[in-house]
N, C-alpha and C. Protein backbone atom coordinates (compact mmCIF):
# COMPACT_ATOMS: atom_id res chain seq x y z
N MET A 1 0.82 -1.18 0.00
CA MET A 1 0.00 0.00 0.00
C MET A 1 0.87 1.26 0.00
N GLY A 2 2.09 1.15 0.54
CA GLY A 2 2.99 2.30 0.56
C GLY A 2 3.37 2.76 -0.84
N GLY A 3 3.55 1.80 -1.75
CA GLY A 3 3.88 2.16 -3.13
C GLY A 3 2.74 2.86 -3.83
N LEU A 4 1.52 2.44 -3.54
CA LEU A 4 0.34 3.07 -4.13
C LEU A 4 0.23 4.52 -3.66
N ILE A 5 0.40 4.74 -2.38
CA ILE A 5 0.33 6.10 -1.83
C ILE A 5 1.50 6.94 -2.33
N SER A 6 2.68 6.36 -2.41
CA SER A 6 3.85 7.08 -2.93
C SER A 6 3.65 7.49 -4.38
N THR A 7 3.03 6.63 -5.15
CA THR A 7 2.74 6.94 -6.55
C THR A 7 1.82 8.15 -6.63
N TYR A 8 0.79 8.16 -5.79
CA TYR A 8 -0.14 9.28 -5.75
C TYR A 8 0.58 10.58 -5.41
N LEU A 9 1.42 10.53 -4.39
CA LEU A 9 2.14 11.73 -3.95
C LEU A 9 3.12 12.22 -5.01
N ALA A 10 3.81 11.30 -5.69
CA ALA A 10 4.75 11.70 -6.74
C ALA A 10 4.03 12.35 -7.91
N ALA A 11 2.81 11.91 -8.18
CA ALA A 11 2.02 12.50 -9.27
C ALA A 11 1.44 13.85 -8.86
N LYS A 12 0.98 13.95 -7.64
CA LYS A 12 0.32 15.18 -7.18
C LYS A 12 1.32 16.28 -6.82
N TYR A 13 2.46 15.90 -6.31
CA TYR A 13 3.47 16.88 -5.87
C TYR A 13 4.83 16.60 -6.51
N PRO A 14 4.94 16.69 -7.83
CA PRO A 14 6.20 16.33 -8.49
C PRO A 14 7.39 17.20 -8.05
N GLU A 15 7.12 18.42 -7.65
CA GLU A 15 8.21 19.31 -7.22
C GLU A 15 8.75 18.92 -5.84
N LYS A 16 8.02 18.11 -5.10
CA LYS A 16 8.45 17.71 -3.76
C LYS A 16 9.02 16.30 -3.70
N VAL A 17 8.78 15.51 -4.73
CA VAL A 17 9.28 14.13 -4.76
C VAL A 17 10.48 14.08 -5.70
N HIS A 18 11.66 13.91 -5.13
CA HIS A 18 12.88 13.94 -5.93
C HIS A 18 13.21 12.59 -6.54
N ALA A 19 12.71 11.52 -5.96
CA ALA A 19 12.90 10.18 -6.49
C ALA A 19 11.80 9.29 -5.92
N LEU A 20 11.41 8.32 -6.70
CA LEU A 20 10.34 7.40 -6.30
C LEU A 20 10.89 5.99 -6.31
N VAL A 21 10.97 5.37 -5.14
CA VAL A 21 11.43 3.99 -5.02
C VAL A 21 10.21 3.14 -4.67
N LEU A 22 9.87 2.25 -5.57
CA LEU A 22 8.69 1.39 -5.40
C LEU A 22 9.16 -0.05 -5.17
N VAL A 23 8.73 -0.63 -4.08
CA VAL A 23 9.10 -2.00 -3.75
C VAL A 23 7.82 -2.81 -3.65
N SER A 24 7.58 -3.65 -4.64
CA SER A 24 6.36 -4.46 -4.70
C SER A 24 5.11 -3.60 -4.54
N PRO A 25 4.98 -2.54 -5.33
CA PRO A 25 3.83 -1.65 -5.14
C PRO A 25 2.51 -2.34 -5.46
N PHE A 26 1.50 -2.02 -4.69
CA PHE A 26 0.17 -2.59 -4.92
C PHE A 26 -0.61 -1.69 -5.88
N TYR A 27 -0.82 -2.19 -7.09
CA TYR A 27 -1.68 -1.50 -8.05
C TYR A 27 -2.91 -2.34 -8.37
N ASP A 28 -2.84 -3.62 -8.07
CA ASP A 28 -4.00 -4.49 -8.25
C ASP A 28 -3.78 -5.77 -7.45
N PHE A 29 -4.88 -6.46 -7.21
CA PHE A 29 -4.85 -7.72 -6.50
C PHE A 29 -4.37 -8.83 -7.43
N THR A 30 -3.85 -9.89 -6.85
CA THR A 30 -3.49 -11.06 -7.64
C THR A 30 -4.69 -12.01 -7.78
N ASN A 31 -5.61 -11.93 -6.86
CA ASN A 31 -6.78 -12.80 -6.85
C ASN A 31 -7.92 -12.15 -7.64
N PRO A 32 -8.38 -12.79 -8.72
CA PRO A 32 -9.46 -12.20 -9.51
C PRO A 32 -10.77 -12.04 -8.73
N PHE A 33 -10.93 -12.78 -7.64
CA PHE A 33 -12.13 -12.69 -6.80
C PHE A 33 -12.25 -11.30 -6.15
N SER A 34 -11.14 -10.61 -6.01
CA SER A 34 -11.14 -9.32 -5.31
C SER A 34 -11.95 -8.25 -6.02
N VAL A 35 -12.27 -8.44 -7.28
CA VAL A 35 -13.09 -7.46 -8.01
C VAL A 35 -14.45 -7.29 -7.34
N ILE A 36 -14.84 -8.26 -6.55
CA ILE A 36 -16.13 -8.21 -5.87
C ILE A 36 -16.22 -7.01 -4.92
N TYR A 37 -15.08 -6.54 -4.41
CA TYR A 37 -15.08 -5.41 -3.48
C TYR A 37 -15.43 -4.09 -4.16
N GLN A 38 -15.50 -4.07 -5.46
CA GLN A 38 -15.90 -2.86 -6.17
C GLN A 38 -17.41 -2.64 -6.12
N PHE A 39 -18.14 -3.63 -5.68
CA PHE A 39 -19.59 -3.53 -5.58
C PHE A 39 -19.98 -3.20 -4.14
N SER A 40 -21.09 -2.52 -3.96
CA SER A 40 -21.52 -2.10 -2.62
C SER A 40 -21.76 -3.30 -1.70
N TRP A 41 -22.14 -4.41 -2.25
CA TRP A 41 -22.42 -5.60 -1.46
C TRP A 41 -21.22 -6.54 -1.36
N GLY A 42 -20.10 -6.16 -1.95
CA GLY A 42 -18.93 -7.03 -2.04
C GLY A 42 -18.37 -7.48 -0.71
N LYS A 43 -18.22 -6.56 0.23
CA LYS A 43 -17.65 -6.92 1.53
C LYS A 43 -18.55 -7.91 2.26
N ASP A 44 -19.86 -7.66 2.24
CA ASP A 44 -20.79 -8.56 2.92
C ASP A 44 -20.77 -9.95 2.30
N PHE A 45 -20.72 -9.99 0.98
CA PHE A 45 -20.68 -11.28 0.29
C PHE A 45 -19.39 -12.03 0.63
N ALA A 46 -18.27 -11.32 0.61
CA ALA A 46 -16.98 -11.94 0.93
C ALA A 46 -16.98 -12.47 2.37
N ASN A 47 -17.58 -11.73 3.29
CA ASN A 47 -17.65 -12.19 4.68
C ASN A 47 -18.45 -13.48 4.81
N ILE A 48 -19.52 -13.60 4.03
CA ILE A 48 -20.34 -14.82 4.06
C ILE A 48 -19.55 -16.00 3.50
N VAL A 49 -18.86 -15.77 2.39
CA VAL A 49 -18.14 -16.86 1.71
C VAL A 49 -16.84 -17.23 2.43
N MET A 50 -16.08 -16.22 2.86
CA MET A 50 -14.73 -16.47 3.37
C MET A 50 -14.59 -16.25 4.88
N GLY A 51 -15.57 -15.65 5.51
CA GLY A 51 -15.46 -15.30 6.92
C GLY A 51 -14.85 -13.92 7.07
N LYS A 52 -14.86 -13.41 8.29
CA LYS A 52 -14.37 -12.05 8.52
C LYS A 52 -12.86 -11.98 8.70
N ILE A 53 -12.24 -13.10 9.09
CA ILE A 53 -10.80 -13.12 9.35
C ILE A 53 -10.16 -14.27 8.59
N ARG A 54 -9.05 -13.97 7.93
CA ARG A 54 -8.24 -15.02 7.31
C ARG A 54 -7.18 -15.41 8.32
N LYS A 55 -7.34 -16.60 8.88
CA LYS A 55 -6.43 -17.08 9.92
C LYS A 55 -5.15 -17.62 9.29
N SER A 56 -4.06 -17.43 9.99
CA SER A 56 -2.78 -17.97 9.55
C SER A 56 -2.81 -19.48 9.64
N THR A 57 -2.09 -20.11 8.72
CA THR A 57 -1.92 -21.56 8.79
C THR A 57 -0.88 -21.87 9.86
N GLU A 58 -0.83 -23.11 10.29
CA GLU A 58 0.18 -23.51 11.28
C GLU A 58 1.58 -23.31 10.72
N GLU A 59 1.74 -23.57 9.43
CA GLU A 59 3.05 -23.37 8.79
C GLU A 59 3.46 -21.89 8.85
N GLU A 60 2.52 -20.99 8.58
CA GLU A 60 2.82 -19.56 8.65
C GLU A 60 3.18 -19.14 10.08
N LYS A 61 2.50 -19.71 11.05
CA LYS A 61 2.77 -19.36 12.44
C LYS A 61 4.16 -19.82 12.89
N ARG A 62 4.66 -20.92 12.31
CA ARG A 62 5.99 -21.42 12.67
C ARG A 62 7.11 -20.62 12.02
N ASN A 63 6.78 -19.86 11.00
CA ASN A 63 7.78 -19.05 10.31
C ASN A 63 8.30 -17.98 11.27
N PRO A 64 9.63 -17.91 11.51
CA PRO A 64 10.17 -16.92 12.45
C PRO A 64 9.80 -15.48 12.10
N ALA A 65 9.63 -15.19 10.84
CA ALA A 65 9.28 -13.83 10.42
C ALA A 65 7.89 -13.43 10.91
N SER A 66 7.05 -14.41 11.23
CA SER A 66 5.69 -14.09 11.66
C SER A 66 5.68 -13.33 12.99
N ALA A 67 6.79 -13.34 13.69
CA ALA A 67 6.86 -12.58 14.94
C ALA A 67 6.81 -11.07 14.68
N PHE A 68 7.04 -10.66 13.44
CA PHE A 68 7.11 -9.24 13.11
C PHE A 68 5.92 -8.75 12.31
N TRP A 69 4.99 -9.64 12.00
CA TRP A 69 3.79 -9.27 11.24
C TRP A 69 2.58 -9.91 11.89
N TYR A 70 1.47 -9.23 11.77
CA TYR A 70 0.22 -9.79 12.24
C TYR A 70 -0.32 -10.66 11.11
N ARG A 71 -0.31 -11.96 11.28
CA ARG A 71 -0.65 -12.88 10.20
C ARG A 71 -2.15 -13.07 9.98
N ASP A 72 -2.97 -12.93 11.02
CA ASP A 72 -4.41 -13.04 10.81
C ASP A 72 -4.89 -11.74 10.18
N GLN A 73 -5.61 -11.85 9.09
CA GLN A 73 -5.99 -10.66 8.33
C GLN A 73 -7.50 -10.46 8.38
N TYR A 74 -7.91 -9.26 8.76
CA TYR A 74 -9.31 -8.90 8.74
C TYR A 74 -9.68 -8.54 7.31
N LEU A 75 -10.58 -9.29 6.72
CA LEU A 75 -10.91 -9.11 5.32
C LEU A 75 -11.64 -7.80 5.05
N ALA A 76 -12.20 -7.17 6.08
CA ALA A 76 -12.84 -5.86 5.88
C ALA A 76 -11.82 -4.83 5.41
N ALA A 77 -10.56 -5.03 5.76
CA ALA A 77 -9.51 -4.10 5.33
C ALA A 77 -9.33 -4.15 3.81
N VAL A 78 -9.68 -5.25 3.20
CA VAL A 78 -9.56 -5.37 1.74
C VAL A 78 -10.47 -4.35 1.06
N GLN A 79 -11.63 -4.10 1.66
CA GLN A 79 -12.55 -3.10 1.11
C GLN A 79 -11.89 -1.73 1.10
N ASN A 80 -11.25 -1.37 2.20
CA ASN A 80 -10.56 -0.08 2.27
C ASN A 80 -9.43 0.01 1.26
N LEU A 81 -8.68 -1.06 1.12
CA LEU A 81 -7.59 -1.09 0.14
C LEU A 81 -8.14 -0.96 -1.27
N SER A 82 -9.23 -1.64 -1.56
CA SER A 82 -9.86 -1.55 -2.87
C SER A 82 -10.35 -0.13 -3.15
N ASP A 83 -10.94 0.51 -2.15
CA ASP A 83 -11.41 1.89 -2.31
C ASP A 83 -10.25 2.85 -2.55
N LEU A 84 -9.18 2.68 -1.79
CA LEU A 84 -8.00 3.53 -1.97
C LEU A 84 -7.41 3.35 -3.36
N ARG A 85 -7.30 2.11 -3.79
CA ARG A 85 -6.78 1.79 -5.12
C ARG A 85 -7.63 2.46 -6.19
N GLU A 86 -8.93 2.33 -6.08
CA GLU A 86 -9.83 2.91 -7.07
C GLU A 86 -9.70 4.43 -7.11
N PHE A 87 -9.59 5.06 -5.94
CA PHE A 87 -9.44 6.52 -5.89
C PHE A 87 -8.13 6.95 -6.54
N ILE A 88 -7.02 6.36 -6.13
CA ILE A 88 -5.71 6.78 -6.64
C ILE A 88 -5.58 6.51 -8.13
N LEU A 89 -5.94 5.34 -8.57
CA LEU A 89 -5.80 5.04 -10.00
C LEU A 89 -6.76 5.87 -10.84
N GLY A 90 -7.85 6.34 -10.23
CA GLY A 90 -8.78 7.22 -10.92
C GLY A 90 -8.22 8.60 -11.20
N THR A 91 -7.12 8.96 -10.53
CA THR A 91 -6.48 10.26 -10.76
C THR A 91 -5.45 10.20 -11.89
N ASP A 92 -5.29 9.04 -12.52
CA ASP A 92 -4.33 8.82 -13.61
C ASP A 92 -2.91 9.24 -13.19
N PRO A 93 -2.40 8.68 -12.12
CA PRO A 93 -1.11 9.13 -11.59
C PRO A 93 0.08 8.86 -12.50
N PHE A 94 0.05 7.78 -13.25
CA PHE A 94 1.22 7.39 -14.03
C PHE A 94 1.55 8.38 -15.13
N SER A 95 0.56 9.12 -15.59
CA SER A 95 0.79 10.11 -16.65
C SER A 95 1.43 11.38 -16.11
N LYS A 96 1.52 11.51 -14.79
CA LYS A 96 1.99 12.75 -14.18
C LYS A 96 3.35 12.62 -13.49
N ILE A 97 3.89 11.43 -13.41
CA ILE A 97 5.13 11.22 -12.67
C ILE A 97 6.33 11.60 -13.53
N SER A 98 7.18 12.46 -12.97
CA SER A 98 8.39 12.87 -13.68
C SER A 98 9.66 12.56 -12.88
N SER A 99 9.52 12.18 -11.63
CA SER A 99 10.66 11.85 -10.78
C SER A 99 11.33 10.57 -11.26
N PRO A 100 12.64 10.45 -11.05
CA PRO A 100 13.29 9.16 -11.34
C PRO A 100 12.59 8.07 -10.54
N THR A 101 12.27 6.98 -11.20
CA THR A 101 11.49 5.92 -10.57
C THR A 101 12.26 4.61 -10.62
N LEU A 102 12.41 4.00 -9.46
CA LEU A 102 13.09 2.71 -9.33
C LEU A 102 12.08 1.71 -8.79
N LEU A 103 11.80 0.69 -9.57
CA LEU A 103 10.82 -0.34 -9.21
C LEU A 103 11.53 -1.65 -8.92
N PHE A 104 11.26 -2.23 -7.77
CA PHE A 104 11.71 -3.58 -7.43
C PHE A 104 10.48 -4.47 -7.36
N TYR A 105 10.56 -5.65 -7.96
CA TYR A 105 9.43 -6.59 -7.90
C TYR A 105 9.96 -8.01 -7.88
N TYR A 106 9.23 -8.89 -7.18
CA TYR A 106 9.62 -10.30 -7.10
C TYR A 106 8.93 -11.07 -8.22
N TYR A 107 9.76 -11.66 -9.07
CA TYR A 107 9.24 -12.51 -10.14
C TYR A 107 10.36 -13.45 -10.59
N LYS A 108 10.13 -14.73 -10.44
CA LYS A 108 11.06 -15.73 -10.96
C LYS A 108 10.48 -16.37 -12.20
N ASN A 109 9.24 -16.80 -12.09
CA ASN A 109 8.51 -17.39 -13.22
C ASN A 109 7.02 -17.29 -12.91
N GLU A 110 6.21 -17.84 -13.78
CA GLU A 110 4.75 -17.73 -13.61
C GLU A 110 4.28 -18.30 -12.27
N LYS A 111 4.94 -19.35 -11.80
CA LYS A 111 4.54 -19.99 -10.55
C LYS A 111 5.12 -19.27 -9.32
N ASN A 112 6.33 -18.78 -9.44
CA ASN A 112 7.03 -18.13 -8.32
C ASN A 112 7.11 -16.63 -8.55
N GLN A 113 6.13 -15.93 -8.00
CA GLN A 113 6.08 -14.48 -8.12
C GLN A 113 5.28 -13.92 -6.95
N ASP A 114 5.25 -12.61 -6.86
CA ASP A 114 4.53 -11.93 -5.78
C ASP A 114 3.09 -12.42 -5.74
N VAL A 115 2.64 -12.87 -4.58
CA VAL A 115 1.27 -13.35 -4.44
C VAL A 115 0.37 -12.30 -3.79
N SER A 116 0.96 -11.19 -3.34
CA SER A 116 0.18 -10.15 -2.67
C SER A 116 -0.24 -9.03 -3.60
N ALA A 117 0.61 -8.71 -4.56
CA ALA A 117 0.33 -7.62 -5.50
C ALA A 117 0.64 -8.10 -6.91
N SER A 118 -0.16 -7.70 -7.86
CA SER A 118 -0.04 -8.15 -9.24
C SER A 118 1.22 -7.61 -9.90
N VAL A 119 2.11 -8.52 -10.31
CA VAL A 119 3.34 -8.13 -11.00
C VAL A 119 3.01 -7.52 -12.36
N SER A 120 2.05 -8.07 -13.06
CA SER A 120 1.70 -7.50 -14.38
C SER A 120 1.19 -6.07 -14.23
N SER A 121 0.48 -5.77 -13.15
CA SER A 121 0.02 -4.40 -12.91
C SER A 121 1.20 -3.48 -12.58
N MET A 122 2.17 -4.00 -11.84
CA MET A 122 3.37 -3.20 -11.54
C MET A 122 4.09 -2.83 -12.83
N LEU A 123 4.29 -3.83 -13.69
CA LEU A 123 5.02 -3.60 -14.94
C LEU A 123 4.24 -2.70 -15.89
N ASN A 124 2.94 -2.86 -15.91
CA ASN A 124 2.09 -2.00 -16.74
C ASN A 124 2.17 -0.55 -16.26
N ALA A 125 2.15 -0.36 -14.95
CA ALA A 125 2.27 0.99 -14.38
C ALA A 125 3.62 1.60 -14.73
N PHE A 126 4.68 0.82 -14.61
CA PHE A 126 6.02 1.31 -14.93
C PHE A 126 6.11 1.69 -16.41
N LYS A 127 5.48 0.89 -17.24
CA LYS A 127 5.46 1.21 -18.68
C LYS A 127 4.75 2.54 -18.92
N LYS A 128 3.64 2.76 -18.24
CA LYS A 128 2.90 4.02 -18.39
C LYS A 128 3.73 5.22 -17.93
N VAL A 129 4.48 5.05 -16.86
CA VAL A 129 5.36 6.13 -16.38
C VAL A 129 6.40 6.44 -17.45
N ASN A 130 6.94 5.40 -18.08
CA ASN A 130 7.98 5.60 -19.09
C ASN A 130 7.45 6.14 -20.41
N GLU A 131 6.16 6.04 -20.63
CA GLU A 131 5.57 6.50 -21.90
C GLU A 131 4.75 7.78 -21.73
N ASN A 132 4.88 8.45 -20.59
CA ASN A 132 4.02 9.60 -20.32
C ASN A 132 4.55 10.92 -20.88
N GLY A 133 5.69 10.90 -21.55
CA GLY A 133 6.26 12.12 -22.11
C GLY A 133 7.10 12.90 -21.11
N LYS A 134 7.12 12.47 -19.86
CA LYS A 134 7.90 13.14 -18.81
C LYS A 134 8.89 12.17 -18.17
N ALA A 135 9.05 11.01 -18.78
CA ALA A 135 9.85 9.95 -18.17
C ALA A 135 11.28 10.40 -17.92
N ASN A 136 11.79 10.01 -16.78
CA ASN A 136 13.16 10.33 -16.42
C ASN A 136 14.09 9.25 -16.98
N PRO A 137 15.23 9.63 -17.54
CA PRO A 137 16.15 8.62 -18.10
C PRO A 137 16.73 7.68 -17.04
N LEU A 138 16.60 8.02 -15.78
CA LEU A 138 17.11 7.16 -14.71
C LEU A 138 16.10 6.09 -14.29
N ASN A 139 14.91 6.09 -14.85
CA ASN A 139 13.90 5.09 -14.49
C ASN A 139 14.45 3.68 -14.72
N LYS A 140 14.11 2.79 -13.79
CA LYS A 140 14.63 1.43 -13.89
C LYS A 140 13.70 0.47 -13.15
N ALA A 141 13.48 -0.69 -13.75
CA ALA A 141 12.72 -1.76 -13.10
C ALA A 141 13.69 -2.92 -12.83
N VAL A 142 13.66 -3.43 -11.62
CA VAL A 142 14.58 -4.50 -11.22
C VAL A 142 13.78 -5.72 -10.80
N LYS A 143 13.99 -6.80 -11.54
CA LYS A 143 13.34 -8.07 -11.21
C LYS A 143 14.19 -8.80 -10.18
N VAL A 144 13.59 -9.12 -9.06
CA VAL A 144 14.26 -9.87 -7.99
C VAL A 144 13.71 -11.29 -8.05
N GLU A 145 14.58 -12.25 -8.35
CA GLU A 145 14.13 -13.63 -8.54
C GLU A 145 14.11 -14.45 -7.26
N PHE A 146 14.70 -13.94 -6.21
CA PHE A 146 14.69 -14.64 -4.93
C PHE A 146 14.08 -13.71 -3.89
N GLY A 147 12.91 -14.06 -3.42
CA GLY A 147 12.25 -13.22 -2.43
C GLY A 147 10.78 -13.54 -2.33
N ASN A 148 10.01 -12.51 -2.07
CA ASN A 148 8.57 -12.59 -1.99
C ASN A 148 8.05 -11.16 -2.03
N HIS A 149 6.84 -10.92 -1.59
CA HIS A 149 6.29 -9.56 -1.64
C HIS A 149 7.13 -8.58 -0.82
N VAL A 150 7.53 -8.99 0.37
CA VAL A 150 8.36 -8.14 1.23
C VAL A 150 9.82 -8.40 0.85
N LEU A 151 10.44 -7.42 0.21
CA LEU A 151 11.79 -7.60 -0.30
C LEU A 151 12.87 -6.93 0.56
N PHE A 152 12.55 -5.85 1.23
CA PHE A 152 13.58 -5.06 1.90
C PHE A 152 13.74 -5.35 3.39
N SER A 153 12.94 -6.20 3.95
CA SER A 153 13.02 -6.47 5.39
C SER A 153 14.18 -7.40 5.72
N LYS A 154 14.86 -7.11 6.81
CA LYS A 154 15.93 -8.00 7.25
C LYS A 154 15.36 -9.32 7.78
N TYR A 155 14.07 -9.36 8.04
CA TYR A 155 13.44 -10.56 8.57
C TYR A 155 12.93 -11.51 7.48
N MET A 156 13.00 -11.07 6.25
CA MET A 156 12.51 -11.89 5.14
C MET A 156 13.67 -12.18 4.19
N LYS A 157 13.66 -13.36 3.62
CA LYS A 157 14.72 -13.75 2.70
C LYS A 157 14.45 -13.15 1.32
N SER A 158 15.48 -12.53 0.76
CA SER A 158 15.42 -12.01 -0.60
C SER A 158 16.85 -11.76 -1.06
N ASP A 159 17.00 -11.42 -2.31
CA ASP A 159 18.32 -11.19 -2.89
C ASP A 159 18.81 -9.80 -2.49
N LYS A 160 19.28 -9.69 -1.26
CA LYS A 160 19.73 -8.39 -0.73
C LYS A 160 20.93 -7.84 -1.49
N ASP A 161 21.80 -8.73 -1.99
CA ASP A 161 22.97 -8.26 -2.75
C ASP A 161 22.53 -7.55 -4.02
N LEU A 162 21.58 -8.12 -4.73
CA LEU A 162 21.05 -7.48 -5.95
C LEU A 162 20.39 -6.15 -5.60
N ILE A 163 19.60 -6.15 -4.55
CA ILE A 163 18.89 -4.94 -4.14
C ILE A 163 19.88 -3.82 -3.82
N LEU A 164 20.91 -4.13 -3.06
CA LEU A 164 21.92 -3.12 -2.71
C LEU A 164 22.68 -2.65 -3.95
N LYS A 165 22.97 -3.57 -4.84
CA LYS A 165 23.70 -3.22 -6.07
C LYS A 165 22.88 -2.26 -6.93
N GLU A 166 21.59 -2.44 -6.98
CA GLU A 166 20.73 -1.65 -7.87
C GLU A 166 20.28 -0.32 -7.26
N THR A 167 20.50 -0.14 -5.96
CA THR A 167 20.09 1.12 -5.34
C THR A 167 21.18 2.09 -5.29
């Protein structure tokens, strides 16, 4: 969600954002079912079908990194995220970004990629930034093949050497 908000701020206040670093930015869901939240009844329907809380699996709870994140997710928050996404993308932010933009995303292959945020949406957004007529020559997208959605945390495994080299 930080990347989505940063994108909005870089578009709205280009004179104040000197560089935009996006790490697994959320521009769309990976689950096609999430489109249901765009409807007024979407949250209620999702609660009936999936319940109000997505509980962590035992495997997730055993993961040492889970000590630093709240693993049980309240699905009502998805509605807020969907609303924020719809608002920000409705302002056409990608056509307004002129700051140097550095995008990091996790993608190894079709099976091993970010499961929290759509990689194709990230790349499509980056393409729009580069084709907006204001693109900075320093813009760069970096594919990280070892990692997950959270790439920069010391508590999560990812290709830190590549990340440091590219920053």
